[in-house]
């Protein structure tokens, strides 16, 4: 069974950091582009980061650029999202998703329909 499992969410103070993990089981991530999406209560889901299957190309919206960093460790079959200088508006459920077949040299956050596999989500709350 193909699964993505997120972990690392929790409560953090404004200005703090968290690292989310997205672990795959049943398939190897190195053939997939991976993205992180988030959804806050009453808001639409938005993409916050993606990484190409090669790991060379990454993409971020302006809202998190310079604060969030996506990376992948294919040996561990895991993708990470390092979140620094966090803000209350980062509060949301965070989901990872896998895209296959991926674009050869890029990834996208504007087409959720490309992403075939989704994790169950992990809650991130930024509050003092």
C-alpha atoms as a PDB file:
ATOM      1  CA  UNK A   1       0.000   0.000   0.000  1.00  0.00           C
ATOM      2  CA  UNK A   2       1.348   3.400  -0.990  1.00  0.00           C
ATOM      3  CA  UNK A   3       1.415   5.826   1.905  1.00  0.00           C
ATOM      4  CA  UNK A   4       2.800   9.202   2.895  1.00  0.00           C
ATOM      5  CA  UNK A   5       3.032   9.961   6.584  1.00  0.00           C
ATOM      6  CA  UNK A   6       3.713  13.441   7.923  1.00  0.00           C
ATOM      7  CA  UNK A   7       5.208  14.095  11.334  1.00  0.00           C
ATOM      8  CA  UNK A   8       6.816  16.907  13.294  1.00  0.00           C
ATOM      9  CA  UNK A   9       3.870  19.212  13.755  1.00  0.00           C
ATOM     10  CA  UNK A  10       3.027  20.850  17.045  1.00  0.00           C
ATOM     11  CA  UNK A  11       2.798  24.112  18.929  1.00  0.00           C
ATOM     12  CA  UNK A  12       5.521  26.707  18.467  1.00  0.00           C
ATOM     13  CA  UNK A  13       5.870  30.328  19.525  1.00  0.00           C
ATOM     14  CA  UNK A  14       6.092  33.116  16.954  1.00  0.00           C
ATOM     15  CA  UNK A  15       9.650  33.360  15.705  1.00  0.00           C
ATOM     16  CA  UNK A  16      10.289  29.699  16.438  1.00  0.00           C
ATOM     17  CA  UNK A  17      11.090  26.761  14.187  1.00  0.00           C
ATOM     18  CA  UNK A  18       9.699  23.361  13.315  1.00  0.00           C
ATOM     19  CA  UNK A  19      10.816  20.638  10.933  1.00  0.00           C
ATOM     20  CA  UNK A  20       8.176  18.520   9.283  1.00  0.00           C
ATOM     21  CA  UNK A  21       8.931  15.108   7.816  1.00  0.00           C
ATOM     22  CA  UNK A  22       7.134  13.249   5.064  1.00  0.00           C
ATOM     23  CA  UNK A  23       7.990   9.556   4.978  1.00  0.00           C
ATOM     24  CA  UNK A  24       6.914   7.239   2.183  1.00  0.00           C
ATOM     25  CA  UNK A  25       6.072   3.582   2.441  1.00  0.00           C
ATOM     26  CA  UNK A  26       5.236   1.193  -0.353  1.00  0.00           C
ATOM     27  CA  UNK A  27       7.118   3.213  -2.961  1.00  0.00           C
ATOM     28  CA  UNK A  28      10.373   5.090  -3.424  1.00  0.00           C
ATOM     29  CA  UNK A  29      10.167   8.868  -3.405  1.00  0.00           C
ATOM     30  CA  UNK A  30      13.097   9.517  -5.722  1.00  0.00           C
ATOM     31  CA  UNK A  31      10.875   9.090  -8.798  1.00  0.00           C
ATOM     32  CA  UNK A  32       8.407  11.699  -7.529  1.00  0.00           C
ATOM     33  CA  UNK A  33       8.208  15.439  -7.171  1.00  0.00           C
ATOM     34  CA  UNK A  34       7.028  16.257  -3.663  1.00  0.00           C
ATOM     35  CA  UNK A  35       5.078  19.229  -2.387  1.00  0.00           C
ATOM     36  CA  UNK A  36       3.874  20.561   0.921  1.00  0.00           C
ATOM     37  CA  UNK A  37       0.439  22.136   1.109  1.00  0.00           C
ATOM     38  CA  UNK A  38      -1.360  23.660   4.050  1.00  0.00           C
ATOM     39  CA  UNK A  39      -4.935  24.461   4.937  1.00  0.00           C
ATOM     40  CA  UNK A  40      -6.024  26.821   7.668  1.00  0.00           C
ATOM     41  CA  UNK A  41      -9.579  26.800   9.056  1.00  0.00           C
ATOM     42  CA  UNK A  42     -11.966  28.548   6.680  1.00  0.00           C
ATOM     43  CA  UNK A  43      -9.307  28.974   4.006  1.00  0.00           C
ATOM     44  CA  UNK A  44      -8.440  27.212   0.781  1.00  0.00           C
ATOM     45  CA  UNK A  45      -5.535  24.822   0.657  1.00  0.00           C
ATOM     46  CA  UNK A  46      -2.345  26.467  -0.575  1.00  0.00           C
ATOM     47  CA  UNK A  47       0.993  25.162  -1.705  1.00  0.00           C
ATOM     48  CA  UNK A  48       3.948  26.206   0.427  1.00  0.00           C
ATOM     49  CA  UNK A  49       6.822  24.341  -1.155  1.00  0.00           C
ATOM     50  CA  UNK A  50       7.756  21.751  -3.729  1.00  0.00           C
ATOM     51  CA  UNK A  51      10.911  19.963  -4.818  1.00  0.00           C
ATOM     52  CA  UNK A  52      11.614  18.278  -8.125  1.00  0.00           C
ATOM     53  CA  UNK A  53      12.387  14.570  -8.248  1.00  0.00           C
ATOM     54  CA  UNK A  54      16.073  15.429  -8.795  1.00  0.00           C
ATOM     55  CA  UNK A  55      16.100  17.765  -5.823  1.00  0.00           C
ATOM     56  CA  UNK A  56      17.613  20.543  -7.921  1.00  0.00           C
ATOM     57  CA  UNK A  57      14.493  22.678  -8.395  1.00  0.00           C
ATOM     58  CA  UNK A  58      12.449  24.086  -5.520  1.00  0.00           C
ATOM     59  CA  UNK A  59       9.582  26.534  -5.411  1.00  0.00           C
ATOM     60  CA  UNK A  60       8.024  28.689  -2.681  1.00  0.00           C
ATOM     61  CA  UNK A  61       5.302  31.297  -2.585  1.00  0.00           C
ATOM     62  CA  UNK A  62       6.234  34.761  -1.361  1.00  0.00           C
ATOM     63  CA  UNK A  63       4.479  34.134   1.941  1.00  0.00           C
ATOM     64  CA  UNK A  64       7.134  31.621   3.057  1.00  0.00           C
ATOM     65  CA  UNK A  65      10.118  32.408   0.826  1.00  0.00           C
ATOM     66  CA  UNK A  66      13.255  32.878   2.886  1.00  0.00           C
ATOM     67  CA  UNK A  67      11.667  31.216   5.936  1.00  0.00           C
ATOM     68  CA  UNK A  68      10.816  27.695   4.733  1.00  0.00           C
ATOM     69  CA  UNK A  69      13.211  25.222   3.139  1.00  0.00           C
ATOM     70  CA  UNK A  70      12.270  21.938   1.511  1.00  0.00           C
ATOM     71  CA  UNK A  71      14.782  19.126   1.164  1.00  0.00           C
ATOM     72  CA  UNK A  72      14.808  15.455   0.379  1.00  0.00           C
ATOM     73  CA  UNK A  73      16.810  12.471   1.555  1.00  0.00           C
ATOM     74  CA  UNK A  74      16.057   9.700  -0.894  1.00  0.00           C
ATOM     75  CA  UNK A  75      18.191   7.261   1.065  1.00  0.00           C
ATOM     76  CA  UNK A  76      15.721   7.686   3.926  1.00  0.00           C
ATOM     77  CA  UNK A  77      12.743   7.946   1.557  1.00  0.00           C
ATOM     78  CA  UNK A  78      11.813  11.169   3.325  1.00  0.00           C
ATOM     79  CA  UNK A  79      11.196  14.801   2.454  1.00  0.00           C
ATOM     80  CA  UNK A  80      11.538  17.573   4.997  1.00  0.00           C
ATOM     81  CA  UNK A  81      10.133  21.056   5.457  1.00  0.00           C
ATOM     82  CA  UNK A  82      12.219  23.280   7.708  1.00  0.00           C
ATOM     83  CA  UNK A  83      10.133  26.207   8.913  1.00  0.00           C
ATOM     84  CA  UNK A  84      11.912  29.142  10.564  1.00  0.00           C
ATOM     85  CA  UNK A  85      10.801  32.553  11.851  1.00  0.00           C
ATOM     86  CA  UNK A  86       7.309  31.218  12.058  1.00  0.00           C
ATOM     87  CA  UNK A  87       4.270  33.472  12.199  1.00  0.00           C
ATOM     88  CA  UNK A  88       0.742  32.974  13.553  1.00  0.00           C
ATOM     89  CA  UNK A  89      -0.499  32.942   9.959  1.00  0.00           C
ATOM     90  CA  UNK A  90       1.504  29.749   9.387  1.00  0.00           C
ATOM     91  CA  UNK A  91      -1.004  27.934  11.576  1.00  0.00           C
ATOM     92  CA  UNK A  92      -2.628  25.198   9.492  1.00  0.00           C
ATOM     93  CA  UNK A  93      -2.755  21.489   8.796  1.00  0.00           C
ATOM     94  CA  UNK A  94       0.241  20.641   6.634  1.00  0.00           C
ATOM     95  CA  UNK A  95       0.070  17.906   4.010  1.00  0.00           C
ATOM     96  CA  UNK A  96       2.734  16.368   1.813  1.00  0.00           C
ATOM     97  CA  UNK A  97       1.885  15.062  -1.624  1.00  0.00           C
ATOM     98  CA  UNK A  98       3.663  13.138  -4.388  1.00  0.00           C
ATOM     99  CA  UNK A  99       3.496  13.809  -8.135  1.00  0.00           C
ATOM    100  CA  UNK A 100       4.138  11.063 -10.696  1.00  0.00           C
ATOM    101  CA  UNK A 101       5.179  11.254 -13.404  1.00  0.00           C
ATOM    102  CA  UNK A 102       6.829  14.502 -12.435  1.00  0.00           C
ATOM    103  CA  UNK A 103       7.949  17.305 -14.709  1.00  0.00           C
ATOM    104  CA  UNK A 104      11.526  16.474 -15.805  1.00  0.00           C
ATOM    105  CA  UNK A 105      13.206  19.512 -14.270  1.00  0.00           C
ATOM    106  CA  UNK A 106      10.687  21.349 -12.104  1.00  0.00           C
ATOM    107  CA  UNK A 107       7.737  21.065  -9.763  1.00  0.00           C
ATOM    108  CA  UNK A 108       4.533  23.033  -9.442  1.00  0.00           C
ATOM    109  CA  UNK A 109       2.314  24.397  -6.683  1.00  0.00           C
ATOM    110  CA  UNK A 110      -0.426  25.636  -8.975  1.00  0.00           C
ATOM    111  CA  UNK A 111      -1.874  22.288 -10.029  1.00  0.00           C
ATOM    112  CA  UNK A 112      -2.901  20.174  -7.047  1.00  0.00           C
ATOM    113  CA  UNK A 113      -4.455  17.674  -9.435  1.00  0.00           C
ATOM    114  CA  UNK A 114      -0.989  16.485 -10.447  1.00  0.00           C
ATOM    115  CA  UNK A 115      -0.406  15.114  -6.978  1.00  0.00           C
ATOM    116  CA  UNK A 116      -1.557  11.523  -6.795  1.00  0.00           C
ATOM    117  CA  UNK A 117      -0.721  10.595  -3.224  1.00  0.00           C
ATOM    118  CA  UNK A 118      -1.414  12.595  -0.088  1.00  0.00           C
ATOM    119  CA  UNK A 119      -0.601  12.182   3.555  1.00  0.00           C
ATOM    120  CA  UNK A 120      -3.104  12.540   6.368  1.00  0.00           C
ATOM    121  CA  UNK A 121      -1.740  15.884   7.530  1.00  0.00           C
ATOM    122  CA  UNK A 122      -0.047  17.227  10.642  1.00  0.00           C
ATOM    123  CA  UNK A 123      -1.243  20.189  12.681  1.00  0.00           C
ATOM    124  CA  UNK A 124       1.040  23.183  13.098  1.00  0.00           C
ATOM    125  CA  UNK A 125       0.029  25.927  15.519  1.00  0.00           C
ATOM    126  CA  UNK A 126       2.005  29.133  15.955  1.00  0.00           C
ATOM    127  CA  UNK A 127       0.904  30.940  19.076  1.00  0.00           C
ATOM    128  CA  UNK A 128       2.285  32.564  22.194  1.00  0.00           C
END
